């Protein structure tokens, strides 16, 4: 979706790829710190694949993101007040469209990150809830520094999942919801048309 500036797209891309969750015995902060170097290494070694086989590159990004981000929950939050009246089919279709829009964006911008780094800021105090976490980070590029926060929770399988991201003051969830509401108003609350337009604008 063409919602944010390119810089924000790139920042969001780095934020999400910094969280590779594989177990539940560490905190969200510890996970982010542990896998950060591994993710950066992937970024540095996959740019050739993007040129040689874009579809395969996109699939690899999809495979990496799917376990990390709770697309269905984010999509539900994006639909907001319209979620309740949507059918199961419409909910599922929008969730898939939303996931596809993000993955297409990330796969196209991820290769541009080679010399950037992410600093995971240690928490000042213990998290209030064991199954929720607010993780603050700093994204440092060659010319700018972006503060960020991502909201995470432990799912039923005990895996940390991203449910919202804020980068440089831009709230991902609220911004996408605003976009969805705008499309609903423009299309007289026809969810099917909104889904079609969401896909077309990728």
N, C-alpha and C. Protein backbone atom coordinates (compact mmCIF):
# COMPACT_ATOMS: atom_id res chain seq x y z
N UNK A 1 0.84 -1.19 0.00
CA UNK A 1 0.00 0.00 0.00
C UNK A 1 0.88 1.25 0.00
N UNK A 2 0.54 2.23 -0.80
CA UNK A 2 1.32 3.44 -0.87
C UNK A 2 0.80 4.41 0.18
N UNK A 3 1.12 4.14 1.43
CA UNK A 3 0.57 4.92 2.52
C UNK A 3 1.64 5.81 3.15
N UNK A 4 2.82 5.24 3.38
CA UNK A 4 3.87 6.00 4.02
C UNK A 4 4.91 6.46 3.00
N UNK A 5 5.79 7.35 3.42
CA UNK A 5 6.91 7.73 2.58
C UNK A 5 7.85 6.55 2.47
N UNK A 6 8.75 6.58 1.51
CA UNK A 6 9.67 5.46 1.31
C UNK A 6 10.53 5.23 2.54
N UNK A 7 10.94 6.31 3.20
CA UNK A 7 11.78 6.17 4.39
C UNK A 7 11.06 5.40 5.48
N UNK A 8 9.77 5.69 5.65
CA UNK A 8 9.01 5.00 6.68
C UNK A 8 8.84 3.53 6.30
N UNK A 9 8.62 3.25 5.00
CA UNK A 9 8.53 1.86 4.54
C UNK A 9 9.79 1.10 4.94
N UNK A 10 10.95 1.70 4.64
CA UNK A 10 12.21 1.04 4.93
C UNK A 10 12.40 0.84 6.43
N UNK A 11 12.00 1.85 7.20
CA UNK A 11 12.12 1.74 8.64
C UNK A 11 11.26 0.62 9.19
N UNK A 12 10.01 0.53 8.73
CA UNK A 12 9.12 -0.53 9.18
C UNK A 12 9.66 -1.89 8.80
N UNK A 13 10.27 -1.93 7.62
CA UNK A 13 10.84 -3.20 7.15
C UNK A 13 11.91 -3.69 8.12
N UNK A 14 12.82 -2.80 8.50
CA UNK A 14 13.88 -3.18 9.42
C UNK A 14 13.32 -3.55 10.78
N UNK A 15 12.33 -2.81 11.25
CA UNK A 15 11.74 -3.10 12.55
C UNK A 15 11.21 -4.52 12.60
N UNK A 16 10.42 -4.89 11.61
CA UNK A 16 9.80 -6.21 11.62
C UNK A 16 10.82 -7.32 11.47
N UNK A 17 11.81 -7.12 10.60
CA UNK A 17 12.79 -8.18 10.39
C UNK A 17 13.74 -8.32 11.56
N UNK A 18 13.67 -7.44 12.52
CA UNK A 18 14.56 -7.55 13.68
C UNK A 18 14.03 -8.51 14.73
N UNK A 19 12.85 -9.08 14.51
CA UNK A 19 12.24 -9.93 15.53
C UNK A 19 11.98 -11.33 15.00
N UNK A 20 12.88 -12.23 15.21
CA UNK A 20 12.71 -13.60 14.77
C UNK A 20 12.43 -14.45 16.01
N UNK A 21 11.16 -14.78 16.24
CA UNK A 21 10.77 -15.47 17.45
C UNK A 21 10.82 -16.98 17.26
N UNK A 22 11.46 -17.68 18.18
CA UNK A 22 11.57 -19.12 18.05
C UNK A 22 11.20 -19.88 19.32
N UNK A 23 11.05 -19.21 20.44
CA UNK A 23 10.69 -19.88 21.68
C UNK A 23 10.10 -18.85 22.63
N UNK A 24 9.73 -19.31 23.85
CA UNK A 24 9.08 -18.39 24.77
C UNK A 24 9.79 -18.26 26.11
N UNK A 25 11.02 -18.76 26.19
CA UNK A 25 11.71 -18.69 27.47
C UNK A 25 12.54 -17.42 27.62
N UNK A 26 12.54 -16.55 26.60
CA UNK A 26 13.23 -15.28 26.67
C UNK A 26 12.23 -14.15 26.52
N UNK A 27 12.61 -12.97 26.98
CA UNK A 27 11.73 -11.82 26.83
C UNK A 27 11.76 -11.34 25.39
N UNK A 28 10.82 -10.48 25.04
CA UNK A 28 10.78 -9.92 23.69
C UNK A 28 12.06 -9.14 23.40
N UNK A 29 12.57 -8.41 24.39
CA UNK A 29 13.81 -7.66 24.23
C UNK A 29 14.98 -8.60 23.94
N UNK A 30 15.04 -9.68 24.69
CA UNK A 30 16.14 -10.63 24.52
C UNK A 30 16.09 -11.30 23.16
N UNK A 31 14.88 -11.59 22.68
CA UNK A 31 14.74 -12.19 21.35
C UNK A 31 15.23 -11.23 20.28
N UNK A 32 14.80 -9.98 20.38
CA UNK A 32 15.19 -8.99 19.38
C UNK A 32 16.70 -8.83 19.34
N UNK A 33 17.34 -8.78 20.50
CA UNK A 33 18.79 -8.64 20.57
C UNK A 33 19.50 -9.88 20.03
N UNK A 34 18.97 -11.04 20.36
CA UNK A 34 19.61 -12.31 20.00
C UNK A 34 19.67 -12.54 18.49
N UNK A 35 18.59 -12.19 17.80
CA UNK A 35 18.51 -12.54 16.38
C UNK A 35 18.83 -11.38 15.45
N UNK A 36 19.01 -10.20 15.99
CA UNK A 36 19.28 -9.01 15.19
C UNK A 36 20.40 -9.22 14.18
N UNK A 37 21.55 -9.74 14.63
CA UNK A 37 22.69 -9.94 13.74
C UNK A 37 22.39 -10.96 12.65
N UNK A 38 21.62 -11.98 13.00
CA UNK A 38 21.27 -13.00 12.03
C UNK A 38 20.40 -12.42 10.92
N UNK A 39 19.45 -11.56 11.30
CA UNK A 39 18.56 -10.95 10.32
C UNK A 39 19.34 -10.01 9.40
N UNK A 40 20.24 -9.22 9.95
CA UNK A 40 21.04 -8.32 9.14
C UNK A 40 21.88 -9.11 8.15
N UNK A 41 22.38 -10.27 8.58
CA UNK A 41 23.17 -11.12 7.68
C UNK A 41 22.33 -11.61 6.51
N UNK A 42 21.08 -11.96 6.79
CA UNK A 42 20.17 -12.39 5.73
C UNK A 42 19.96 -11.26 4.73
N UNK A 43 19.76 -10.06 5.24
CA UNK A 43 19.56 -8.91 4.38
C UNK A 43 20.75 -8.72 3.45
N UNK A 44 21.94 -8.92 3.99
CA UNK A 44 23.16 -8.68 3.21
C UNK A 44 23.42 -9.76 2.16
N UNK A 45 22.83 -10.93 2.32
CA UNK A 45 23.13 -12.02 1.40
C UNK A 45 22.01 -12.38 0.43
N UNK A 46 20.86 -11.70 0.53
CA UNK A 46 19.73 -12.04 -0.32
C UNK A 46 19.46 -11.05 -1.45
N UNK A 47 20.27 -10.02 -1.59
CA UNK A 47 19.98 -9.02 -2.61
C UNK A 47 20.15 -9.57 -4.03
N UNK A 48 21.08 -10.49 -4.22
CA UNK A 48 21.27 -11.08 -5.55
C UNK A 48 20.04 -11.88 -5.96
N UNK A 49 19.45 -12.57 -5.01
CA UNK A 49 18.25 -13.37 -5.29
C UNK A 49 17.10 -12.48 -5.73
N UNK A 50 17.02 -11.30 -5.15
CA UNK A 50 15.96 -10.36 -5.52
C UNK A 50 16.04 -9.99 -7.00
N UNK A 51 17.27 -9.88 -7.51
CA UNK A 51 17.48 -9.54 -8.91
C UNK A 51 17.27 -10.75 -9.81
N UNK A 52 17.79 -11.90 -9.39
CA UNK A 52 17.74 -13.11 -10.21
C UNK A 52 16.36 -13.77 -10.22
N UNK A 53 15.71 -13.78 -9.09
CA UNK A 53 14.41 -14.45 -8.99
C UNK A 53 13.54 -13.73 -7.97
N UNK A 54 12.92 -12.61 -8.37
CA UNK A 54 12.09 -11.79 -7.46
C UNK A 54 11.01 -12.59 -6.75
N UNK A 55 10.37 -13.51 -7.47
CA UNK A 55 9.29 -14.29 -6.86
C UNK A 55 9.81 -15.17 -5.73
N UNK A 56 10.95 -15.78 -5.96
CA UNK A 56 11.53 -16.63 -4.92
C UNK A 56 11.95 -15.80 -3.72
N UNK A 57 12.49 -14.61 -3.99
CA UNK A 57 12.90 -13.72 -2.92
C UNK A 57 11.69 -13.34 -2.07
N UNK A 58 10.60 -12.97 -2.76
CA UNK A 58 9.37 -12.60 -2.06
C UNK A 58 8.86 -13.75 -1.20
N UNK A 59 8.97 -14.96 -1.73
CA UNK A 59 8.51 -16.13 -0.98
C UNK A 59 9.36 -16.35 0.26
N UNK A 60 10.66 -16.14 0.14
CA UNK A 60 11.54 -16.31 1.30
C UNK A 60 11.21 -15.28 2.37
N UNK A 61 10.93 -14.07 1.95
CA UNK A 61 10.54 -13.04 2.90
C UNK A 61 9.22 -13.42 3.57
N UNK A 62 8.30 -13.93 2.77
CA UNK A 62 7.00 -14.36 3.30
C UNK A 62 7.18 -15.46 4.33
N UNK A 63 8.03 -16.42 4.02
CA UNK A 63 8.27 -17.53 4.94
C UNK A 63 8.88 -17.05 6.26
N UNK A 64 9.68 -15.99 6.17
CA UNK A 64 10.33 -15.45 7.37
C UNK A 64 9.35 -14.63 8.20
N UNK A 65 8.47 -13.87 7.53
CA UNK A 65 7.54 -13.00 8.23
C UNK A 65 6.36 -13.73 8.86
N UNK A 66 5.88 -14.75 8.16
CA UNK A 66 4.65 -15.42 8.60
C UNK A 66 4.66 -15.84 10.07
N UNK A 67 5.75 -16.43 10.58
CA UNK A 67 5.74 -16.84 11.99
C UNK A 67 5.89 -15.67 12.95
N UNK A 68 6.29 -14.51 12.45
CA UNK A 68 6.64 -13.39 13.31
C UNK A 68 5.48 -12.43 13.55
N UNK A 69 4.75 -12.13 12.48
CA UNK A 69 3.69 -11.12 12.56
C UNK A 69 2.31 -11.77 12.60
N UNK A 70 1.48 -11.29 13.48
CA UNK A 70 0.10 -11.77 13.55
C UNK A 70 -0.74 -10.95 12.57
N UNK A 71 -0.67 -11.34 11.29
CA UNK A 71 -1.37 -10.59 10.26
C UNK A 71 -2.87 -10.54 10.48
N UNK A 72 -3.45 -11.65 10.93
CA UNK A 72 -4.89 -11.69 11.12
C UNK A 72 -5.34 -10.72 12.20
N UNK A 73 -4.58 -10.66 13.27
CA UNK A 73 -4.96 -9.76 14.36
C UNK A 73 -4.77 -8.30 13.96
N UNK A 74 -3.69 -8.02 13.23
CA UNK A 74 -3.47 -6.65 12.77
C UNK A 74 -4.56 -6.25 11.78
N UNK A 75 -4.90 -7.17 10.86
CA UNK A 75 -5.94 -6.89 9.87
C UNK A 75 -7.27 -6.62 10.55
N UNK A 76 -7.57 -7.39 11.60
CA UNK A 76 -8.81 -7.19 12.35
C UNK A 76 -8.83 -5.80 12.98
N UNK A 77 -7.70 -5.38 13.53
CA UNK A 77 -7.62 -4.05 14.13
C UNK A 77 -7.74 -2.96 13.07
N UNK A 78 -7.20 -3.22 11.89
CA UNK A 78 -7.29 -2.25 10.80
C UNK A 78 -8.75 -2.08 10.37
N UNK A 79 -9.49 -3.18 10.29
CA UNK A 79 -10.91 -3.12 9.92
C UNK A 79 -11.74 -2.41 10.99
N UNK A 80 -11.28 -2.46 12.23
CA UNK A 80 -11.94 -1.74 13.31
C UNK A 80 -13.42 -2.02 13.43
N UNK A 81 -14.22 -0.98 13.41
CA UNK A 81 -15.67 -1.10 13.61
C UNK A 81 -16.35 -1.88 12.49
N UNK A 82 -15.68 -2.04 11.36
CA UNK A 82 -16.28 -2.76 10.24
C UNK A 82 -16.07 -4.27 10.33
N UNK A 83 -15.22 -4.69 11.24
CA UNK A 83 -14.92 -6.11 11.37
C UNK A 83 -16.15 -6.92 11.79
N UNK A 84 -16.91 -6.38 12.72
CA UNK A 84 -18.06 -7.10 13.26
C UNK A 84 -19.09 -7.46 12.20
N UNK A 85 -19.34 -6.55 11.26
CA UNK A 85 -20.35 -6.79 10.24
C UNK A 85 -19.82 -7.51 9.01
N UNK A 86 -18.52 -7.73 8.96
CA UNK A 86 -17.94 -8.43 7.81
C UNK A 86 -18.16 -9.93 7.95
N UNK A 87 -18.32 -10.61 6.83
CA UNK A 87 -18.49 -12.07 6.87
C UNK A 87 -17.13 -12.72 7.10
N UNK A 88 -17.15 -13.99 7.45
CA UNK A 88 -15.89 -14.72 7.67
C UNK A 88 -15.05 -14.71 6.40
N UNK A 89 -15.71 -14.85 5.26
CA UNK A 89 -14.99 -14.84 3.98
C UNK A 89 -14.32 -13.49 3.75
N UNK A 90 -15.04 -12.41 4.02
CA UNK A 90 -14.49 -11.07 3.84
C UNK A 90 -13.33 -10.81 4.80
N UNK A 91 -13.48 -11.26 6.02
CA UNK A 91 -12.39 -11.10 6.99
C UNK A 91 -11.14 -11.82 6.53
N UNK A 92 -11.33 -13.05 6.04
CA UNK A 92 -10.21 -13.85 5.59
C UNK A 92 -9.57 -13.23 4.35
N UNK A 93 -10.38 -12.76 3.43
CA UNK A 93 -9.87 -12.16 2.19
C UNK A 93 -9.08 -10.88 2.48
N UNK A 94 -9.60 -10.06 3.41
CA UNK A 94 -8.87 -8.84 3.72
C UNK A 94 -7.56 -9.15 4.43
N UNK A 95 -7.58 -10.13 5.32
CA UNK A 95 -6.37 -10.52 6.03
C UNK A 95 -5.28 -10.94 5.04
N UNK A 96 -5.68 -11.71 4.04
CA UNK A 96 -4.72 -12.16 3.03
C UNK A 96 -4.24 -11.00 2.18
N UNK A 97 -5.16 -10.10 1.83
CA UNK A 97 -4.79 -8.94 1.03
C UNK A 97 -3.85 -8.03 1.80
N UNK A 98 -4.13 -7.86 3.09
CA UNK A 98 -3.30 -7.02 3.95
C UNK A 98 -1.90 -7.62 4.07
N UNK A 99 -1.84 -8.91 4.31
CA UNK A 99 -0.54 -9.59 4.42
C UNK A 99 0.25 -9.45 3.13
N UNK A 100 -0.41 -9.66 2.01
CA UNK A 100 0.25 -9.57 0.72
C UNK A 100 0.79 -8.17 0.46
N UNK A 101 0.02 -7.15 0.84
CA UNK A 101 0.46 -5.78 0.61
C UNK A 101 1.72 -5.46 1.41
N UNK A 102 1.79 -5.95 2.63
CA UNK A 102 2.97 -5.70 3.45
C UNK A 102 4.18 -6.45 2.93
N UNK A 103 3.99 -7.73 2.59
CA UNK A 103 5.09 -8.55 2.12
C UNK A 103 5.66 -8.04 0.81
N UNK A 104 4.80 -7.59 -0.08
CA UNK A 104 5.28 -7.04 -1.35
C UNK A 104 6.12 -5.79 -1.12
N UNK A 105 5.68 -4.98 -0.17
CA UNK A 105 6.43 -3.77 0.15
C UNK A 105 7.79 -4.11 0.74
N UNK A 106 7.79 -5.02 1.70
CA UNK A 106 9.04 -5.38 2.37
C UNK A 106 10.03 -6.05 1.43
N UNK A 107 9.56 -6.94 0.58
CA UNK A 107 10.46 -7.66 -0.32
C UNK A 107 11.13 -6.71 -1.30
N UNK A 108 10.45 -5.62 -1.64
CA UNK A 108 11.00 -4.66 -2.58
C UNK A 108 11.96 -3.68 -1.96
N UNK A 109 11.92 -3.54 -0.64
CA UNK A 109 12.78 -2.56 0.03
C UNK A 109 13.84 -3.19 0.93
N UNK A 110 13.65 -4.43 1.28
CA UNK A 110 14.57 -5.09 2.21
C UNK A 110 16.00 -5.10 1.70
N UNK A 111 16.19 -5.26 0.38
CA UNK A 111 17.53 -5.34 -0.19
C UNK A 111 18.32 -4.06 -0.04
N UNK A 112 17.65 -2.95 0.27
CA UNK A 112 18.35 -1.68 0.40
C UNK A 112 19.05 -1.52 1.75
N UNK A 113 18.81 -2.45 2.66
CA UNK A 113 19.42 -2.38 3.98
C UNK A 113 20.65 -3.28 4.04
N UNK A 114 21.81 -2.68 3.99
CA UNK A 114 23.04 -3.46 4.07
C UNK A 114 23.94 -2.97 5.19
N UNK A 115 23.95 -1.67 5.39
CA UNK A 115 24.87 -1.10 6.38
C UNK A 115 24.13 -0.45 7.54
N UNK A 116 22.88 -0.82 7.72
CA UNK A 116 22.11 -0.24 8.81
C UNK A 116 22.20 -1.12 10.06
N UNK A 117 21.79 -0.55 11.18
CA UNK A 117 21.79 -1.34 12.41
C UNK A 117 20.61 -0.95 13.29
N UNK A 118 20.26 -1.87 14.17
CA UNK A 118 19.15 -1.66 15.08
C UNK A 118 19.67 -1.82 16.51
N UNK A 119 19.33 -0.86 17.32
CA UNK A 119 19.70 -0.95 18.74
C UNK A 119 18.44 -1.25 19.53
N UNK A 120 18.43 -2.36 20.22
CA UNK A 120 17.30 -2.70 21.09
C UNK A 120 17.58 -2.09 22.45
N UNK A 121 16.72 -1.19 22.86
CA UNK A 121 16.92 -0.48 24.13
C UNK A 121 16.42 -1.33 25.29
N UNK A 122 17.30 -1.65 26.24
CA UNK A 122 16.89 -2.47 27.40
C UNK A 122 15.76 -1.81 28.17
N UNK A 123 14.84 -2.59 28.70
CA UNK A 123 13.72 -2.01 29.46
C UNK A 123 14.19 -1.41 30.77
N UNK A 124 13.56 -0.32 31.16
CA UNK A 124 13.90 0.33 32.42
C UNK A 124 13.33 -0.41 33.63
N UNK A 125 12.27 -1.16 33.39
CA UNK A 125 11.61 -1.90 34.47
C UNK A 125 10.95 -3.15 33.88
N UNK A 126 10.60 -4.11 34.72
CA UNK A 126 9.94 -5.33 34.24
C UNK A 126 8.61 -5.01 33.58
N UNK A 127 8.24 -5.83 32.59
CA UNK A 127 6.95 -5.64 31.93
C UNK A 127 5.82 -5.87 32.93
N UNK A 128 4.76 -5.10 32.79
CA UNK A 128 3.63 -5.22 33.70
C UNK A 128 2.92 -6.56 33.53
N UNK A 129 2.86 -7.04 32.26
CA UNK A 129 2.21 -8.31 31.97
C UNK A 129 3.22 -9.27 31.34
N UNK A 130 3.17 -10.52 31.72
CA UNK A 130 4.11 -11.51 31.21
C UNK A 130 3.85 -11.85 29.75
N UNK A 131 2.63 -11.66 29.29
CA UNK A 131 2.29 -12.03 27.92
C UNK A 131 2.22 -10.85 26.96
N UNK A 132 2.68 -9.67 27.42
CA UNK A 132 2.69 -8.49 26.56
C UNK A 132 4.01 -7.75 26.74
N UNK A 133 4.43 -7.06 25.68
CA UNK A 133 5.69 -6.33 25.77
C UNK A 133 5.71 -5.13 24.84
N UNK A 134 6.31 -4.05 25.33
CA UNK A 134 6.55 -2.86 24.53
C UNK A 134 8.07 -2.75 24.40
N UNK A 135 8.56 -2.93 23.20
CA UNK A 135 10.00 -2.94 22.99
C UNK A 135 10.43 -1.69 22.23
N UNK A 136 11.32 -0.92 22.86
CA UNK A 136 11.80 0.30 22.21
C UNK A 136 13.11 0.01 21.49
N UNK A 137 13.23 0.58 20.29
CA UNK A 137 14.44 0.38 19.50
C UNK A 137 14.87 1.69 18.87
N UNK A 138 16.05 1.69 18.30
CA UNK A 138 16.53 2.82 17.51
C UNK A 138 17.08 2.26 16.21
N UNK A 139 16.53 2.75 15.10
CA UNK A 139 16.97 2.32 13.78
C UNK A 139 17.96 3.35 13.26
N UNK A 140 19.18 2.92 13.00
CA UNK A 140 20.23 3.83 12.57
C UNK A 140 20.62 3.54 11.13
N UNK A 141 20.39 4.51 10.24
CA UNK A 141 20.77 4.38 8.84
C UNK A 141 22.02 5.22 8.59
N UNK A 142 22.42 5.30 7.34
CA UNK A 142 23.62 6.06 7.01
C UNK A 142 23.45 7.56 7.22
N UNK A 143 22.19 8.01 7.23
CA UNK A 143 21.97 9.45 7.36
C UNK A 143 20.97 9.87 8.43
N UNK A 144 20.22 8.90 8.97
CA UNK A 144 19.20 9.25 9.96
C UNK A 144 19.13 8.21 11.08
N UNK A 145 18.46 8.64 12.15
CA UNK A 145 18.19 7.75 13.27
C UNK A 145 16.71 7.84 13.58
N UNK A 146 16.05 6.68 13.65
CA UNK A 146 14.59 6.64 13.88
C UNK A 146 14.26 5.89 15.17
N UNK A 147 13.54 6.54 16.09
CA UNK A 147 13.08 5.82 17.29
C UNK A 147 11.89 4.95 16.93
N UNK A 148 11.77 3.82 17.57
CA UNK A 148 10.65 2.93 17.27
C UNK A 148 10.19 2.15 18.49
N UNK A 149 8.96 1.69 18.42
CA UNK A 149 8.39 0.84 19.47
C UNK A 149 7.51 -0.19 18.80
N UNK A 150 7.64 -1.44 19.20
CA UNK A 150 6.70 -2.42 18.69
C UNK A 150 6.01 -3.13 19.84
N UNK A 151 4.74 -3.39 19.61
CA UNK A 151 3.92 -4.08 20.61
C UNK A 151 3.88 -5.56 20.27
N UNK A 152 4.10 -6.40 21.27
CA UNK A 152 4.12 -7.83 21.05
C UNK A 152 3.30 -8.55 22.12
N UNK A 153 2.90 -9.76 21.79
CA UNK A 153 2.18 -10.56 22.77
C UNK A 153 2.53 -12.03 22.56
N UNK A 154 2.31 -12.83 23.58
CA UNK A 154 2.54 -14.27 23.48
C UNK A 154 1.25 -14.93 23.01
N UNK A 155 1.34 -15.66 21.90
CA UNK A 155 0.13 -16.32 21.41
C UNK A 155 -0.12 -17.62 22.19
N UNK A 156 -1.12 -18.38 21.77
CA UNK A 156 -1.49 -19.60 22.49
C UNK A 156 -0.40 -20.66 22.48
N UNK A 157 0.51 -20.55 21.50
CA UNK A 157 1.61 -21.51 21.39
C UNK A 157 2.85 -21.03 22.12
N UNK A 158 2.73 -19.89 22.80
CA UNK A 158 3.85 -19.36 23.56
C UNK A 158 4.90 -18.68 22.71
N UNK A 159 4.49 -18.16 21.54
CA UNK A 159 5.43 -17.47 20.66
C UNK A 159 5.11 -15.98 20.62
N UNK A 160 6.16 -15.18 20.65
CA UNK A 160 5.96 -13.74 20.58
C UNK A 160 5.55 -13.33 19.18
N UNK A 161 4.56 -12.44 19.09
CA UNK A 161 4.04 -11.96 17.82
C UNK A 161 3.94 -10.44 17.83
N UNK A 162 4.18 -9.83 16.69
CA UNK A 162 4.01 -8.39 16.55
C UNK A 162 2.55 -8.09 16.24
N UNK A 163 1.99 -7.10 16.93
CA UNK A 163 0.61 -6.70 16.63
C UNK A 163 0.50 -5.20 16.30
N UNK A 164 1.58 -4.47 16.51
CA UNK A 164 1.58 -3.07 16.08
C UNK A 164 2.99 -2.52 16.14
N UNK A 165 3.23 -1.48 15.32
CA UNK A 165 4.54 -0.87 15.24
C UNK A 165 4.40 0.64 15.17
N UNK A 166 5.27 1.33 15.87
CA UNK A 166 5.34 2.79 15.77
C UNK A 166 6.78 3.14 15.43
N UNK A 167 6.98 3.84 14.32
CA UNK A 167 8.32 4.24 13.91
C UNK A 167 8.34 5.74 13.64
N UNK A 168 9.24 6.42 14.33
CA UNK A 168 9.40 7.86 14.15
C UNK A 168 8.08 8.60 14.31
N UNK A 169 7.27 8.13 15.25
CA UNK A 169 5.99 8.77 15.53
C UNK A 169 4.84 8.30 14.66
N UNK A 170 5.11 7.44 13.68
CA UNK A 170 4.07 6.93 12.80
C UNK A 170 3.55 5.61 13.35
N UNK A 171 2.26 5.58 13.69
CA UNK A 171 1.63 4.38 14.21
C UNK A 171 1.09 3.55 13.04
N UNK A 172 1.70 2.41 12.81
CA UNK A 172 1.33 1.56 11.68
C UNK A 172 -0.14 1.18 11.71
N UNK A 173 -0.61 0.69 12.86
CA UNK A 173 -1.98 0.24 12.97
C UNK A 173 -2.99 1.34 12.71
N UNK A 174 -2.78 2.49 13.32
CA UNK A 174 -3.70 3.61 13.15
C UNK A 174 -3.68 4.15 11.73
N UNK A 175 -2.51 4.17 11.12
CA UNK A 175 -2.40 4.69 9.76
C UNK A 175 -3.13 3.79 8.77
N UNK A 176 -2.96 2.49 8.89
CA UNK A 176 -3.66 1.56 8.01
C UNK A 176 -5.16 1.59 8.27
N UNK A 177 -5.56 1.75 9.53
CA UNK A 177 -6.99 1.83 9.82
C UNK A 177 -7.60 3.07 9.18
N UNK A 178 -6.89 4.18 9.25
CA UNK A 178 -7.36 5.40 8.63
C UNK A 178 -7.53 5.21 7.13
N UNK A 179 -6.59 4.50 6.52
CA UNK A 179 -6.67 4.21 5.10
C UNK A 179 -7.88 3.34 4.79
N UNK A 180 -8.10 2.33 5.63
CA UNK A 180 -9.24 1.43 5.42
C UNK A 180 -10.56 2.17 5.56
N UNK A 181 -10.68 2.99 6.60
CA UNK A 181 -11.91 3.76 6.82
C UNK A 181 -12.17 4.71 5.66
N UNK A 182 -11.11 5.32 5.14
CA UNK A 182 -11.26 6.24 4.02
C UNK A 182 -11.79 5.51 2.79
N UNK A 183 -11.27 4.32 2.54
CA UNK A 183 -11.74 3.53 1.40
C UNK A 183 -13.18 3.07 1.60
N UNK A 184 -13.54 2.73 2.83
CA UNK A 184 -14.90 2.31 3.11
C UNK A 184 -15.88 3.46 2.85
N UNK A 185 -15.52 4.64 3.25
CA UNK A 185 -16.37 5.81 3.04
C UNK A 185 -16.50 6.12 1.56
N UNK A 186 -15.38 6.03 0.86
CA UNK A 186 -15.36 6.32 -0.57
C UNK A 186 -16.20 5.33 -1.36
N UNK A 187 -16.23 4.07 -0.88
CA UNK A 187 -16.94 3.01 -1.59
C UNK A 187 -18.26 2.63 -0.93
N UNK A 188 -18.83 3.57 -0.18
CA UNK A 188 -20.14 3.37 0.46
C UNK A 188 -20.19 2.09 1.29
N UNK A 189 -19.09 1.84 2.01
CA UNK A 189 -18.97 0.73 2.95
C UNK A 189 -19.11 -0.64 2.27
N UNK A 190 -18.67 -0.72 1.04
CA UNK A 190 -18.66 -2.00 0.32
C UNK A 190 -17.29 -2.65 0.55
N UNK A 191 -17.25 -3.59 1.47
CA UNK A 191 -15.98 -4.21 1.85
C UNK A 191 -15.32 -4.92 0.68
N UNK A 192 -16.10 -5.56 -0.16
CA UNK A 192 -15.54 -6.28 -1.30
C UNK A 192 -14.76 -5.33 -2.23
N UNK A 193 -15.33 -4.15 -2.47
CA UNK A 193 -14.65 -3.17 -3.31
C UNK A 193 -13.38 -2.66 -2.64
N UNK A 194 -13.44 -2.48 -1.34
CA UNK A 194 -12.27 -2.00 -0.59
C UNK A 194 -11.14 -3.02 -0.68
N UNK A 195 -11.46 -4.30 -0.53
CA UNK A 195 -10.45 -5.35 -0.63
C UNK A 195 -9.82 -5.34 -2.01
N UNK A 196 -10.64 -5.21 -3.05
CA UNK A 196 -10.14 -5.18 -4.42
C UNK A 196 -9.20 -4.00 -4.64
N UNK A 197 -9.58 -2.83 -4.09
CA UNK A 197 -8.75 -1.64 -4.24
C UNK A 197 -7.45 -1.75 -3.44
N UNK A 198 -7.55 -2.39 -2.29
CA UNK A 198 -6.36 -2.58 -1.44
C UNK A 198 -5.33 -3.41 -2.21
N UNK A 199 -5.80 -4.47 -2.86
CA UNK A 199 -4.92 -5.34 -3.64
C UNK A 199 -4.34 -4.58 -4.84
N UNK A 200 -5.19 -3.82 -5.52
CA UNK A 200 -4.77 -3.10 -6.72
C UNK A 200 -3.73 -2.02 -6.45
N UNK A 201 -3.73 -1.48 -5.23
CA UNK A 201 -2.84 -0.38 -4.91
C UNK A 201 -1.47 -0.83 -4.44
N UNK A 202 -1.26 -2.16 -4.35
CA UNK A 202 0.04 -2.66 -3.90
C UNK A 202 1.11 -2.29 -4.91
